[in-house]
Amino acid sequence: MIKTRQWAASHGIDVADSLPAIADYDEPTPRTSQEIAIRTIILHAIAATGYGVDPEPIAEWLIEQSIWQYASPAEQTLMKSTASTDDELSEARWRQEAQWALLWAINKVHSLGLPTQTCDTGSLVDDIMPGRGESIEPFVSSARLRLPGEILAENDRTYNLHCYARPAIRESTLPGDLIYPVLFQRHYAFEWLTGDDQWDEVQTDT
């Protein structure tokens, strides 16, 4: 079966791990670096809940750090629930891929590349994110947004890949090494990052 790199290139999509910034584009994102950093912490909490970590102390930590209110209604419900379904927990686990994309946007991750592998969970937990119980201030204050042209380039690639992936799924021609949930979560993250929808209301139209 065709590989993602060949498939993407055949559609005129840049396959480099790191894309050059789109020249002369300087429109800032509607989200601040601090807002994005807080969203990655919320997603970290959601993914942990999906992996079976007790959500009660996680929620308590978010409250202590004064960011509980930034969790969406659906996220708050998940962290309060004692009877989440397998599908809800699976979706929660995949949220770390949206988290990874947003971490890239604030210069906490070097590159995204093609959606052919999942994020580095070990680095995510051990090296990047603040641990539960720790102050989030150093992490949030050190977040630095990438240039608008860099974000636009990666956003465009993600959107275009998703546009081609959806019909490929229907036609059973999706490359065997493309991990669709990774692509979907990246698209979701970029739609939130570049738009003004609340997290639960984000649409990934193609």
N, C-alpha and C. Protein backbone atom coordinates (compact mmCIF):
# COMPACT_ATOMS: atom_id res chain seq x y z
N MET A 1 0.84 -1.19 0.00
CA MET A 1 0.00 0.00 0.00
C MET A 1 0.89 1.25 0.00
N ILE A 2 0.39 2.30 -0.66
CA ILE A 2 1.14 3.55 -0.74
C ILE A 2 1.37 4.14 0.66
N LYS A 3 2.51 4.74 0.84
CA LYS A 3 2.85 5.37 2.12
C LYS A 3 2.38 6.82 2.13
N THR A 4 2.22 7.35 3.32
CA THR A 4 1.71 8.71 3.48
C THR A 4 2.60 9.73 2.77
N ARG A 5 3.92 9.56 2.85
CA ARG A 5 4.82 10.51 2.23
C ARG A 5 4.57 10.59 0.72
N GLN A 6 4.45 9.43 0.06
CA GLN A 6 4.18 9.42 -1.38
C GLN A 6 2.80 9.98 -1.69
N TRP A 7 1.83 9.57 -0.89
CA TRP A 7 0.44 9.99 -1.09
C TRP A 7 0.31 11.49 -0.95
N ALA A 8 0.91 12.07 0.10
CA ALA A 8 0.84 13.52 0.31
C ALA A 8 1.54 14.26 -0.82
N ALA A 9 2.72 13.79 -1.19
CA ALA A 9 3.48 14.45 -2.26
C ALA A 9 2.71 14.41 -3.57
N SER A 10 1.99 13.32 -3.81
CA SER A 10 1.22 13.21 -5.05
C SER A 10 0.11 14.24 -5.13
N HIS A 11 -0.31 14.75 -3.97
CA HIS A 11 -1.34 15.79 -3.91
C HIS A 11 -0.72 17.18 -3.78
N GLY A 12 0.59 17.27 -3.92
CA GLY A 12 1.24 18.57 -3.86
C GLY A 12 1.43 19.11 -2.46
N ILE A 13 1.41 18.23 -1.45
CA ILE A 13 1.55 18.64 -0.06
C ILE A 13 3.00 18.46 0.38
N ASP A 14 3.55 19.48 1.02
CA ASP A 14 4.93 19.44 1.51
C ASP A 14 5.04 18.36 2.58
N VAL A 15 6.06 17.50 2.48
CA VAL A 15 6.20 16.37 3.40
C VAL A 15 7.37 16.55 4.37
N ALA A 16 7.96 17.73 4.41
CA ALA A 16 9.08 17.97 5.32
C ALA A 16 8.61 17.91 6.78
N ASP A 17 9.51 17.52 7.68
CA ASP A 17 9.15 17.50 9.09
C ASP A 17 8.82 18.89 9.60
N SER A 18 9.60 19.88 9.18
CA SER A 18 9.36 21.27 9.55
C SER A 18 9.16 22.09 8.29
N LEU A 19 8.05 22.81 8.24
CA LEU A 19 7.71 23.57 7.04
C LEU A 19 8.26 25.00 7.13
N PRO A 20 8.66 25.57 6.00
CA PRO A 20 9.04 26.98 6.02
C PRO A 20 7.82 27.85 6.26
N ALA A 21 8.03 28.95 6.95
CA ALA A 21 6.92 29.87 7.21
C ALA A 21 6.41 30.46 5.89
N ILE A 22 5.12 30.69 5.82
CA ILE A 22 4.55 31.37 4.66
C ILE A 22 4.97 32.83 4.71
N ALA A 23 5.64 33.25 3.67
CA ALA A 23 6.23 34.59 3.65
C ALA A 23 5.17 35.68 3.68
N ASP A 24 5.52 36.77 4.34
CA ASP A 24 4.69 37.99 4.36
C ASP A 24 3.33 37.79 5.02
N TYR A 25 3.20 36.74 5.82
CA TYR A 25 1.94 36.56 6.57
C TYR A 25 2.22 36.88 8.03
N ASP A 26 1.53 37.88 8.55
CA ASP A 26 1.82 38.31 9.92
C ASP A 26 0.57 38.52 10.77
N GLU A 27 -0.55 37.92 10.34
CA GLU A 27 -1.78 38.06 11.13
C GLU A 27 -1.70 37.16 12.36
N PRO A 28 -1.76 37.73 13.55
CA PRO A 28 -1.62 36.91 14.75
C PRO A 28 -2.82 36.00 14.98
N THR A 29 -2.60 34.91 15.70
CA THR A 29 -3.72 34.04 16.05
C THR A 29 -4.59 34.75 17.09
N PRO A 30 -5.87 34.38 17.17
CA PRO A 30 -6.73 34.99 18.18
C PRO A 30 -6.43 34.50 19.60
N ARG A 31 -5.60 33.49 19.74
CA ARG A 31 -5.25 32.92 21.06
C ARG A 31 -3.87 33.41 21.48
N THR A 32 -3.74 33.74 22.74
CA THR A 32 -2.44 34.12 23.28
C THR A 32 -1.63 32.88 23.63
N SER A 33 -0.33 33.06 23.79
CA SER A 33 0.52 31.92 24.17
C SER A 33 0.10 31.37 25.53
N GLN A 34 -0.30 32.25 26.45
CA GLN A 34 -0.72 31.80 27.77
C GLN A 34 -2.02 30.99 27.69
N GLU A 35 -2.95 31.45 26.86
CA GLU A 35 -4.21 30.73 26.68
C GLU A 35 -3.95 29.34 26.09
N ILE A 36 -3.06 29.27 25.12
CA ILE A 36 -2.73 27.99 24.50
C ILE A 36 -2.05 27.07 25.51
N ALA A 37 -1.14 27.61 26.29
CA ALA A 37 -0.44 26.80 27.30
C ALA A 37 -1.43 26.21 28.30
N ILE A 38 -2.38 27.01 28.74
CA ILE A 38 -3.40 26.51 29.68
C ILE A 38 -4.23 25.42 29.03
N ARG A 39 -4.58 25.60 27.76
CA ARG A 39 -5.36 24.56 27.06
C ARG A 39 -4.57 23.25 26.99
N THR A 40 -3.24 23.32 26.80
CA THR A 40 -2.47 22.08 26.77
C THR A 40 -2.48 21.39 28.14
N ILE A 41 -2.52 22.16 29.21
CA ILE A 41 -2.59 21.56 30.55
C ILE A 41 -3.94 20.87 30.74
N ILE A 42 -5.00 21.52 30.30
CA ILE A 42 -6.33 20.90 30.38
C ILE A 42 -6.36 19.60 29.58
N LEU A 43 -5.80 19.63 28.37
CA LEU A 43 -5.78 18.42 27.55
C LEU A 43 -4.92 17.34 28.17
N HIS A 44 -3.86 17.73 28.85
CA HIS A 44 -3.02 16.77 29.56
C HIS A 44 -3.85 16.07 30.65
N ALA A 45 -4.65 16.84 31.34
CA ALA A 45 -5.53 16.28 32.37
C ALA A 45 -6.57 15.34 31.77
N ILE A 46 -7.12 15.73 30.63
CA ILE A 46 -8.13 14.90 29.98
C ILE A 46 -7.53 13.57 29.51
N ALA A 47 -6.34 13.64 28.90
CA ALA A 47 -5.69 12.41 28.44
C ALA A 47 -5.38 11.50 29.62
N ALA A 48 -4.91 12.07 30.71
CA ALA A 48 -4.61 11.27 31.90
C ALA A 48 -5.87 10.57 32.40
N THR A 49 -6.99 11.29 32.39
CA THR A 49 -8.26 10.69 32.79
C THR A 49 -8.61 9.53 31.86
N GLY A 50 -8.37 9.72 30.57
CA GLY A 50 -8.64 8.65 29.60
C GLY A 50 -7.80 7.42 29.84
N TYR A 51 -6.58 7.61 30.36
CA TYR A 51 -5.69 6.48 30.65
C TYR A 51 -5.95 5.86 32.02
N GLY A 52 -6.97 6.34 32.71
CA GLY A 52 -7.38 5.70 33.95
C GLY A 52 -6.84 6.33 35.22
N VAL A 53 -6.18 7.48 35.12
CA VAL A 53 -5.72 8.18 36.31
C VAL A 53 -6.94 8.76 37.02
N ASP A 54 -6.97 8.65 38.34
CA ASP A 54 -8.08 9.16 39.13
C ASP A 54 -8.29 10.64 38.83
N PRO A 55 -9.46 11.03 38.30
CA PRO A 55 -9.65 12.43 37.90
C PRO A 55 -9.86 13.39 39.07
N GLU A 56 -10.23 12.88 40.24
CA GLU A 56 -10.53 13.81 41.34
C GLU A 56 -9.33 14.65 41.75
N PRO A 57 -8.15 14.04 42.01
CA PRO A 57 -7.00 14.90 42.34
C PRO A 57 -6.54 15.77 41.18
N ILE A 58 -6.78 15.31 39.95
CA ILE A 58 -6.44 16.14 38.79
C ILE A 58 -7.30 17.40 38.79
N ALA A 59 -8.61 17.21 39.00
CA ALA A 59 -9.52 18.36 39.05
C ALA A 59 -9.15 19.29 40.19
N GLU A 60 -8.80 18.72 41.32
CA GLU A 60 -8.40 19.55 42.48
C GLU A 60 -7.17 20.39 42.15
N TRP A 61 -6.22 19.79 41.42
CA TRP A 61 -5.02 20.53 41.02
C TRP A 61 -5.36 21.68 40.08
N LEU A 62 -6.26 21.42 39.11
CA LEU A 62 -6.67 22.49 38.20
C LEU A 62 -7.36 23.62 38.96
N ILE A 63 -8.13 23.27 39.97
CA ILE A 63 -8.80 24.29 40.79
C ILE A 63 -7.76 25.08 41.59
N GLU A 64 -6.80 24.38 42.17
CA GLU A 64 -5.73 25.05 42.94
C GLU A 64 -4.94 26.02 42.07
N GLN A 65 -4.75 25.66 40.81
CA GLN A 65 -3.98 26.49 39.89
C GLN A 65 -4.85 27.55 39.19
N SER A 66 -6.11 27.61 39.60
CA SER A 66 -7.06 28.62 39.09
C SER A 66 -7.30 28.52 37.58
N ILE A 67 -7.31 27.28 37.07
CA ILE A 67 -7.60 27.11 35.63
C ILE A 67 -8.75 26.14 35.37
N TRP A 68 -9.42 25.68 36.43
CA TRP A 68 -10.54 24.75 36.24
C TRP A 68 -11.58 25.34 35.29
N GLN A 69 -11.80 26.66 35.38
CA GLN A 69 -12.82 27.32 34.56
C GLN A 69 -12.49 27.28 33.08
N TYR A 70 -11.24 26.97 32.74
CA TYR A 70 -10.86 26.89 31.33
C TYR A 70 -11.14 25.51 30.73
N ALA A 71 -11.47 24.55 31.57
CA ALA A 71 -11.91 23.26 31.05
C ALA A 71 -13.32 23.43 30.50
N SER A 72 -13.57 22.83 29.34
CA SER A 72 -14.88 22.99 28.71
C SER A 72 -15.94 22.24 29.51
N PRO A 73 -17.22 22.51 29.28
CA PRO A 73 -18.27 21.76 29.97
C PRO A 73 -18.13 20.25 29.81
N ALA A 74 -17.82 19.79 28.59
CA ALA A 74 -17.66 18.35 28.37
C ALA A 74 -16.47 17.81 29.14
N GLU A 75 -15.40 18.58 29.20
CA GLU A 75 -14.20 18.15 29.93
C GLU A 75 -14.46 18.10 31.43
N GLN A 76 -15.15 19.09 31.95
CA GLN A 76 -15.50 19.08 33.37
C GLN A 76 -16.38 17.88 33.71
N THR A 77 -17.32 17.59 32.83
CA THR A 77 -18.20 16.44 33.04
C THR A 77 -17.40 15.15 33.08
N LEU A 78 -16.45 15.00 32.15
CA LEU A 78 -15.63 13.79 32.10
C LEU A 78 -14.84 13.62 33.39
N MET A 79 -14.25 14.70 33.89
CA MET A 79 -13.42 14.60 35.09
C MET A 79 -14.23 14.43 36.37
N LYS A 80 -15.53 14.69 36.28
CA LYS A 80 -16.40 14.49 37.44
C LYS A 80 -17.12 13.14 37.39
N SER A 81 -17.10 12.51 36.23
CA SER A 81 -17.89 11.29 36.02
C SER A 81 -17.23 10.08 36.64
N THR A 82 -18.05 9.18 37.12
CA THR A 82 -17.55 7.88 37.61
C THR A 82 -18.01 6.76 36.68
N ALA A 83 -18.64 7.12 35.57
CA ALA A 83 -19.18 6.09 34.67
C ALA A 83 -18.97 6.48 33.21
N SER A 84 -17.76 6.92 32.88
CA SER A 84 -17.47 7.27 31.49
C SER A 84 -17.45 6.02 30.62
N THR A 85 -17.92 6.15 29.39
CA THR A 85 -17.94 5.01 28.48
C THR A 85 -16.55 4.77 27.90
N ASP A 86 -16.37 3.59 27.32
CA ASP A 86 -15.09 3.28 26.67
C ASP A 86 -14.79 4.26 25.54
N ASP A 87 -15.83 4.65 24.79
CA ASP A 87 -15.63 5.59 23.69
C ASP A 87 -15.18 6.95 24.22
N GLU A 88 -15.77 7.40 25.31
CA GLU A 88 -15.38 8.68 25.90
C GLU A 88 -13.94 8.66 26.39
N LEU A 89 -13.55 7.55 27.00
CA LEU A 89 -12.17 7.43 27.49
C LEU A 89 -11.18 7.32 26.34
N SER A 90 -11.57 6.64 25.27
CA SER A 90 -10.70 6.54 24.10
C SER A 90 -10.49 7.91 23.48
N GLU A 91 -11.56 8.68 23.33
CA GLU A 91 -11.44 10.02 22.78
C GLU A 91 -10.56 10.89 23.67
N ALA A 92 -10.71 10.72 24.98
CA ALA A 92 -9.89 11.48 25.92
C ALA A 92 -8.40 11.17 25.74
N ARG A 93 -8.08 9.90 25.52
CA ARG A 93 -6.67 9.53 25.32
C ARG A 93 -6.11 10.16 24.06
N TRP A 94 -6.91 10.20 23.00
CA TRP A 94 -6.44 10.76 21.74
C TRP A 94 -6.22 12.27 21.83
N ARG A 95 -6.81 12.93 22.84
CA ARG A 95 -6.65 14.37 22.97
C ARG A 95 -5.19 14.79 23.14
N GLN A 96 -4.33 13.85 23.54
CA GLN A 96 -2.93 14.22 23.67
C GLN A 96 -2.32 14.58 22.31
N GLU A 97 -2.92 14.12 21.22
CA GLU A 97 -2.42 14.50 19.90
C GLU A 97 -2.79 15.95 19.57
N ALA A 98 -3.95 16.41 20.01
CA ALA A 98 -4.28 17.83 19.90
C ALA A 98 -3.35 18.64 20.79
N GLN A 99 -3.10 18.12 21.97
CA GLN A 99 -2.17 18.77 22.90
C GLN A 99 -0.80 18.92 22.27
N TRP A 100 -0.31 17.89 21.62
CA TRP A 100 1.01 17.91 20.98
C TRP A 100 1.09 19.00 19.91
N ALA A 101 0.02 19.13 19.11
CA ALA A 101 -0.01 20.16 18.08
C ALA A 101 0.03 21.56 18.69
N LEU A 102 -0.69 21.76 19.78
CA LEU A 102 -0.69 23.07 20.44
C LEU A 102 0.65 23.34 21.12
N LEU A 103 1.28 22.29 21.64
CA LEU A 103 2.62 22.46 22.21
C LEU A 103 3.61 22.89 21.13
N TRP A 104 3.44 22.35 19.94
CA TRP A 104 4.28 22.80 18.82
C TRP A 104 4.07 24.30 18.59
N ALA A 105 2.82 24.76 18.64
CA ALA A 105 2.50 26.15 18.36
C ALA A 105 3.14 27.11 19.36
N ILE A 106 3.41 26.63 20.58
CA ILE A 106 4.05 27.49 21.59
C ILE A 106 5.51 27.08 21.82
N ASN A 107 6.10 26.45 20.83
CA ASN A 107 7.54 26.15 20.84
C ASN A 107 7.98 25.19 21.94
N LYS A 108 7.08 24.31 22.35
CA LYS A 108 7.46 23.28 23.32
C LYS A 108 7.78 21.96 22.63
N VAL A 109 7.44 21.86 21.34
CA VAL A 109 7.72 20.69 20.51
C VAL A 109 8.41 21.19 19.25
N HIS A 110 9.48 20.50 18.84
CA HIS A 110 10.31 20.98 17.73
C HIS A 110 9.59 20.92 16.38
N SER A 111 8.97 19.79 16.05
CA SER A 111 8.32 19.66 14.75
C SER A 111 7.17 18.67 14.86
N LEU A 112 6.26 18.75 13.89
CA LEU A 112 5.13 17.81 13.84
C LEU A 112 5.33 16.73 12.79
N GLY A 113 5.76 17.11 11.61
CA GLY A 113 5.91 16.12 10.54
C GLY A 113 4.56 15.59 10.10
N LEU A 114 4.58 14.51 9.35
CA LEU A 114 3.35 13.89 8.87
C LEU A 114 2.69 13.07 9.98
N PRO A 115 1.38 12.87 9.92
CA PRO A 115 0.66 12.14 10.99
C PRO A 115 0.80 10.63 10.86
N THR A 116 2.05 10.17 10.92
CA THR A 116 2.31 8.73 10.78
C THR A 116 2.81 8.09 12.08
N GLN A 117 2.89 8.89 13.14
CA GLN A 117 3.25 8.35 14.43
C GLN A 117 2.58 9.17 15.52
N THR A 118 2.37 8.53 16.67
CA THR A 118 1.76 9.24 17.78
C THR A 118 2.81 10.08 18.49
N CYS A 119 2.34 10.97 19.34
CA CYS A 119 3.25 11.87 20.04
C CYS A 119 4.14 11.10 21.00
N ASP A 120 5.20 11.74 21.43
CA ASP A 120 6.16 11.14 22.36
C ASP A 120 5.62 11.29 23.78
N THR A 121 4.88 10.28 24.24
CA THR A 121 4.23 10.35 25.54
C THR A 121 5.24 10.49 26.67
N GLY A 122 6.36 9.79 26.55
CA GLY A 122 7.37 9.87 27.59
C GLY A 122 7.90 11.28 27.76
N SER A 123 8.22 11.93 26.65
CA SER A 123 8.70 13.30 26.70
C SER A 123 7.61 14.24 27.19
N LEU A 124 6.39 13.98 26.78
CA LEU A 124 5.25 14.79 27.19
C LEU A 124 5.13 14.81 28.71
N VAL A 125 5.20 13.64 29.32
CA VAL A 125 5.01 13.52 30.76
C VAL A 125 6.26 13.92 31.54
N ASP A 126 7.42 13.47 31.09
CA ASP A 126 8.64 13.64 31.88
C ASP A 126 9.37 14.96 31.64
N ASP A 127 9.25 15.51 30.42
CA ASP A 127 10.09 16.65 30.06
C ASP A 127 9.34 17.95 29.80
N ILE A 128 8.12 17.86 29.31
CA ILE A 128 7.45 19.07 28.82
C ILE A 128 6.44 19.64 29.80
N MET A 129 5.51 18.80 30.25
CA MET A 129 4.38 19.30 31.02
C MET A 129 4.70 19.40 32.51
N PRO A 130 4.09 20.36 33.20
CA PRO A 130 4.24 20.40 34.65
C PRO A 130 3.55 19.19 35.29
N GLY A 131 4.14 18.67 36.35
CA GLY A 131 3.56 17.53 37.03
C GLY A 131 2.39 17.95 37.91
N ARG A 132 1.49 17.01 38.14
CA ARG A 132 0.35 17.30 39.00
C ARG A 132 0.85 17.72 40.39
N GLY A 133 0.31 18.79 40.89
CA GLY A 133 0.74 19.32 42.18
C GLY A 133 1.75 20.43 42.07
N GLU A 134 2.41 20.54 40.91
CA GLU A 134 3.39 21.60 40.70
C GLU A 134 2.71 22.89 40.24
N SER A 135 3.39 24.01 40.42
CA SER A 135 2.91 25.27 39.88
C SER A 135 3.00 25.24 38.36
N ILE A 136 1.96 25.75 37.72
CA ILE A 136 1.98 25.81 36.26
C ILE A 136 2.61 27.11 35.75
N GLU A 137 2.90 28.04 36.64
CA GLU A 137 3.35 29.37 36.24
C GLU A 137 4.60 29.34 35.35
N PRO A 138 5.66 28.57 35.72
CA PRO A 138 6.85 28.57 34.84
C PRO A 138 6.54 28.05 33.44
N PHE A 139 5.70 27.03 33.35
CA PHE A 139 5.34 26.48 32.04
C PHE A 139 4.56 27.50 31.22
N VAL A 140 3.57 28.12 31.82
CA VAL A 140 2.72 29.07 31.11
C VAL A 140 3.51 30.32 30.70
N SER A 141 4.31 30.84 31.60
CA SER A 141 5.02 32.08 31.32
C SER A 141 6.14 31.90 30.29
N SER A 142 6.60 30.67 30.11
CA SER A 142 7.68 30.42 29.14
C SER A 142 7.16 30.09 27.75
N ALA A 143 5.84 29.99 27.58
CA ALA A 143 5.26 29.68 26.27
C ALA A 143 5.49 30.84 25.31
N ARG A 144 5.97 30.53 24.12
CA ARG A 144 6.23 31.54 23.10
C ARG A 144 5.61 31.10 21.78
N LEU A 145 4.71 31.91 21.25
CA LEU A 145 4.05 31.56 20.00
C LEU A 145 5.01 31.56 18.83
N ARG A 146 4.83 30.60 17.95
CA ARG A 146 5.57 30.60 16.70
C ARG A 146 5.08 31.76 15.81
N LEU A 147 5.85 32.05 14.80
CA LEU A 147 5.49 33.10 13.87
C LEU A 147 4.17 32.75 13.17
N PRO A 148 3.34 33.75 12.88
CA PRO A 148 2.07 33.48 12.18
C PRO A 148 2.25 32.69 10.90
N GLY A 149 3.32 32.97 10.15
CA GLY A 149 3.56 32.25 8.90
C GLY A 149 3.87 30.78 9.12
N GLU A 150 4.52 30.45 10.23
CA GLU A 150 4.80 29.05 10.56
C GLU A 150 3.50 28.32 10.90
N ILE A 151 2.68 28.97 11.73
CA ILE A 151 1.42 28.35 12.13
C ILE A 151 0.51 28.15 10.93
N LEU A 152 0.44 29.16 10.05
CA LEU A 152 -0.40 29.04 8.86
C LEU A 152 0.07 27.90 7.96
N ALA A 153 1.37 27.75 7.80
CA ALA A 153 1.90 26.68 6.94
C ALA A 153 1.49 25.31 7.46
N GLU A 154 1.65 25.08 8.76
CA GLU A 154 1.30 23.77 9.33
C GLU A 154 -0.21 23.58 9.37
N ASN A 155 -0.93 24.65 9.62
CA ASN A 155 -2.39 24.58 9.60
C ASN A 155 -2.89 24.21 8.21
N ASP A 156 -2.34 24.85 7.18
CA ASP A 156 -2.75 24.54 5.81
C ASP A 156 -2.44 23.09 5.45
N ARG A 157 -1.26 22.61 5.84
CA ARG A 157 -0.91 21.22 5.53
C ARG A 157 -1.89 20.26 6.20
N THR A 158 -2.17 20.51 7.48
CA THR A 158 -3.08 19.64 8.22
C THR A 158 -4.47 19.63 7.59
N TYR A 159 -4.96 20.80 7.25
CA TYR A 159 -6.28 20.90 6.62
C TYR A 159 -6.31 20.16 5.29
N ASN A 160 -5.29 20.38 4.45
CA ASN A 160 -5.26 19.73 3.15
C ASN A 160 -5.16 18.21 3.27
N LEU A 161 -4.35 17.74 4.20
CA LEU A 161 -4.26 16.30 4.42
C LEU A 161 -5.61 15.73 4.81
N HIS A 162 -6.34 16.44 5.68
CA HIS A 162 -7.64 15.96 6.11
C HIS A 162 -8.64 15.97 4.96
N CYS A 163 -8.55 16.98 4.11
CA CYS A 163 -9.44 17.03 2.94
C CYS A 163 -9.27 15.81 2.05
N TYR A 164 -8.03 15.38 1.87
CA TYR A 164 -7.77 14.21 1.02
C TYR A 164 -8.01 12.90 1.77
N ALA A 165 -7.87 12.92 3.10
CA ALA A 165 -8.01 11.69 3.87
C ALA A 165 -9.46 11.21 3.95
N ARG A 166 -10.38 12.14 4.07
CA ARG A 166 -11.78 11.73 4.25
C ARG A 166 -12.31 10.92 3.06
N PRO A 167 -12.14 11.38 1.82
CA PRO A 167 -12.58 10.52 0.71
C PRO A 167 -11.75 9.26 0.58
N ALA A 168 -10.48 9.33 0.97
CA ALA A 168 -9.63 8.14 0.90
C ALA A 168 -10.13 7.06 1.85
N ILE A 169 -10.67 7.46 2.99
CA ILE A 169 -11.25 6.49 3.92
C ILE A 169 -12.45 5.80 3.27
N ARG A 170 -13.31 6.60 2.64
CA ARG A 170 -14.50 6.02 2.00
C ARG A 170 -14.12 5.08 0.87
N GLU A 171 -13.04 5.41 0.18
CA GLU A 171 -12.61 4.60 -0.98
C GLU A 171 -11.60 3.52 -0.61
N SER A 172 -11.31 3.41 0.69
CA SER A 172 -10.33 2.43 1.19
C SER A 172 -8.96 2.60 0.55
N THR A 173 -8.57 3.86 0.34
CA THR A 173 -7.26 4.14 -0.26
C THR A 173 -6.36 4.95 0.67
N LEU A 174 -6.74 5.05 1.92
CA LEU A 174 -5.93 5.79 2.88
C LEU A 174 -4.59 5.08 3.06
N PRO A 175 -3.47 5.81 3.05
CA PRO A 175 -2.17 5.16 3.24
C PRO A 175 -2.15 4.34 4.54
N GLY A 176 -1.48 3.21 4.48
CA GLY A 176 -1.48 2.30 5.62
C GLY A 176 -0.78 2.84 6.85
N ASP A 177 0.15 3.80 6.67
CA ASP A 177 0.88 4.30 7.82
C ASP A 177 0.33 5.63 8.33
N LEU A 178 -0.75 6.13 7.73
CA LEU A 178 -1.36 7.36 8.21
C LEU A 178 -2.27 7.04 9.40
N ILE A 179 -2.06 7.70 10.52
CA ILE A 179 -2.86 7.46 11.72
C ILE A 179 -3.95 8.53 11.73
N TYR A 180 -5.15 8.14 11.32
CA TYR A 180 -6.20 9.12 11.14
C TYR A 180 -6.55 9.89 12.43
N PRO A 181 -6.65 9.24 13.59
CA PRO A 181 -6.96 10.02 14.80
C PRO A 181 -5.92 11.10 15.10
N VAL A 182 -4.66 10.87 14.75
CA VAL A 182 -3.63 11.89 14.94
C VAL A 182 -3.94 13.09 14.05
N LEU A 183 -4.24 12.82 12.79
CA LEU A 183 -4.58 13.88 11.84
C LEU A 183 -5.82 14.64 12.31
N PHE A 184 -6.84 13.92 12.73
CA PHE A 184 -8.07 14.57 13.18
C PHE A 184 -7.82 15.48 14.37
N GLN A 185 -7.07 14.99 15.36
CA GLN A 185 -6.82 15.80 16.55
C GLN A 185 -5.99 17.03 16.23
N ARG A 186 -5.04 16.90 15.32
CA ARG A 186 -4.27 18.07 14.90
C ARG A 186 -5.18 19.10 14.24
N HIS A 187 -6.05 18.63 13.36
CA HIS A 187 -6.97 19.54 12.70
C HIS A 187 -7.86 20.24 13.73
N TYR A 188 -8.35 19.49 14.69
CA TYR A 188 -9.20 20.06 15.74
C TYR A 188 -8.43 21.15 16.50
N ALA A 189 -7.19 20.85 16.84
CA ALA A 189 -6.37 21.82 17.58
C ALA A 189 -6.15 23.09 16.78
N PHE A 190 -5.83 22.95 15.49
CA PHE A 190 -5.57 24.13 14.67
C PHE A 190 -6.84 24.95 14.43
N GLU A 191 -7.99 24.28 14.32
CA GLU A 191 -9.24 25.02 14.16
C GLU A 191 -9.52 25.85 15.41
N TRP A 192 -9.26 25.28 16.59
CA TRP A 192 -9.43 26.05 17.83
C TRP A 192 -8.42 27.19 17.89
N LEU A 193 -7.17 26.88 17.56
CA LEU A 193 -6.09 27.84 17.65
C LEU A 193 -6.32 29.08 16.78
N THR A 194 -6.85 28.86 15.60
CA THR A 194 -6.97 29.96 14.63
C THR A 194 -8.38 30.54 14.56
N GLY A 195 -9.30 30.00 15.37
CA GLY A 195 -10.67 30.50 15.35
C GLY A 195 -11.08 31.06 16.69
N ASP A 196 -12.39 31.28 16.84
CA ASP A 196 -12.88 31.82 18.10
C ASP A 196 -13.94 30.95 18.74
N ASP A 197 -14.09 29.71 18.26
CA ASP A 197 -15.06 28.79 18.86
C ASP A 197 -14.56 28.29 20.22
N GLN A 198 -15.52 28.03 21.11
CA GLN A 198 -15.18 27.35 22.35
C GLN A 198 -14.75 25.92 22.02
N TRP A 199 -13.97 25.31 22.91
CA TRP A 199 -13.37 24.01 22.61
C TRP A 199 -14.39 22.96 22.18
N ASP A 200 -15.50 22.87 22.88
CA ASP A 200 -16.50 21.83 22.57
C ASP A 200 -17.22 22.07 21.25
N GLU A 201 -17.16 23.31 20.75
CA GLU A 201 -17.91 23.67 19.54
C GLU A 201 -17.06 23.67 18.27
N VAL A 202 -15.81 23.31 18.37
CA VAL A 202 -14.92 23.33 17.19
C VAL A 202 -15.42 22.36 16.13
N GLN A 203 -15.39 22.80 14.88
CA GLN A 203 -15.77 21.98 13.74
C GLN A 203 -14.55 21.69 12.87
N THR A 204 -14.47 20.48 12.36
CA THR A 204 -13.34 20.10 11.48
C THR A 204 -13.86 19.86 10.06
N ASP A 205 -14.57 20.84 9.55
CA ASP A 205 -15.10 20.72 8.19
C ASP A 205 -13.97 20.71 7.17
N THR A 206 -14.18 19.97 6.08
CA THR A 206 -13.20 19.94 5.00
C THR A 206 -13.90 20.17 3.67
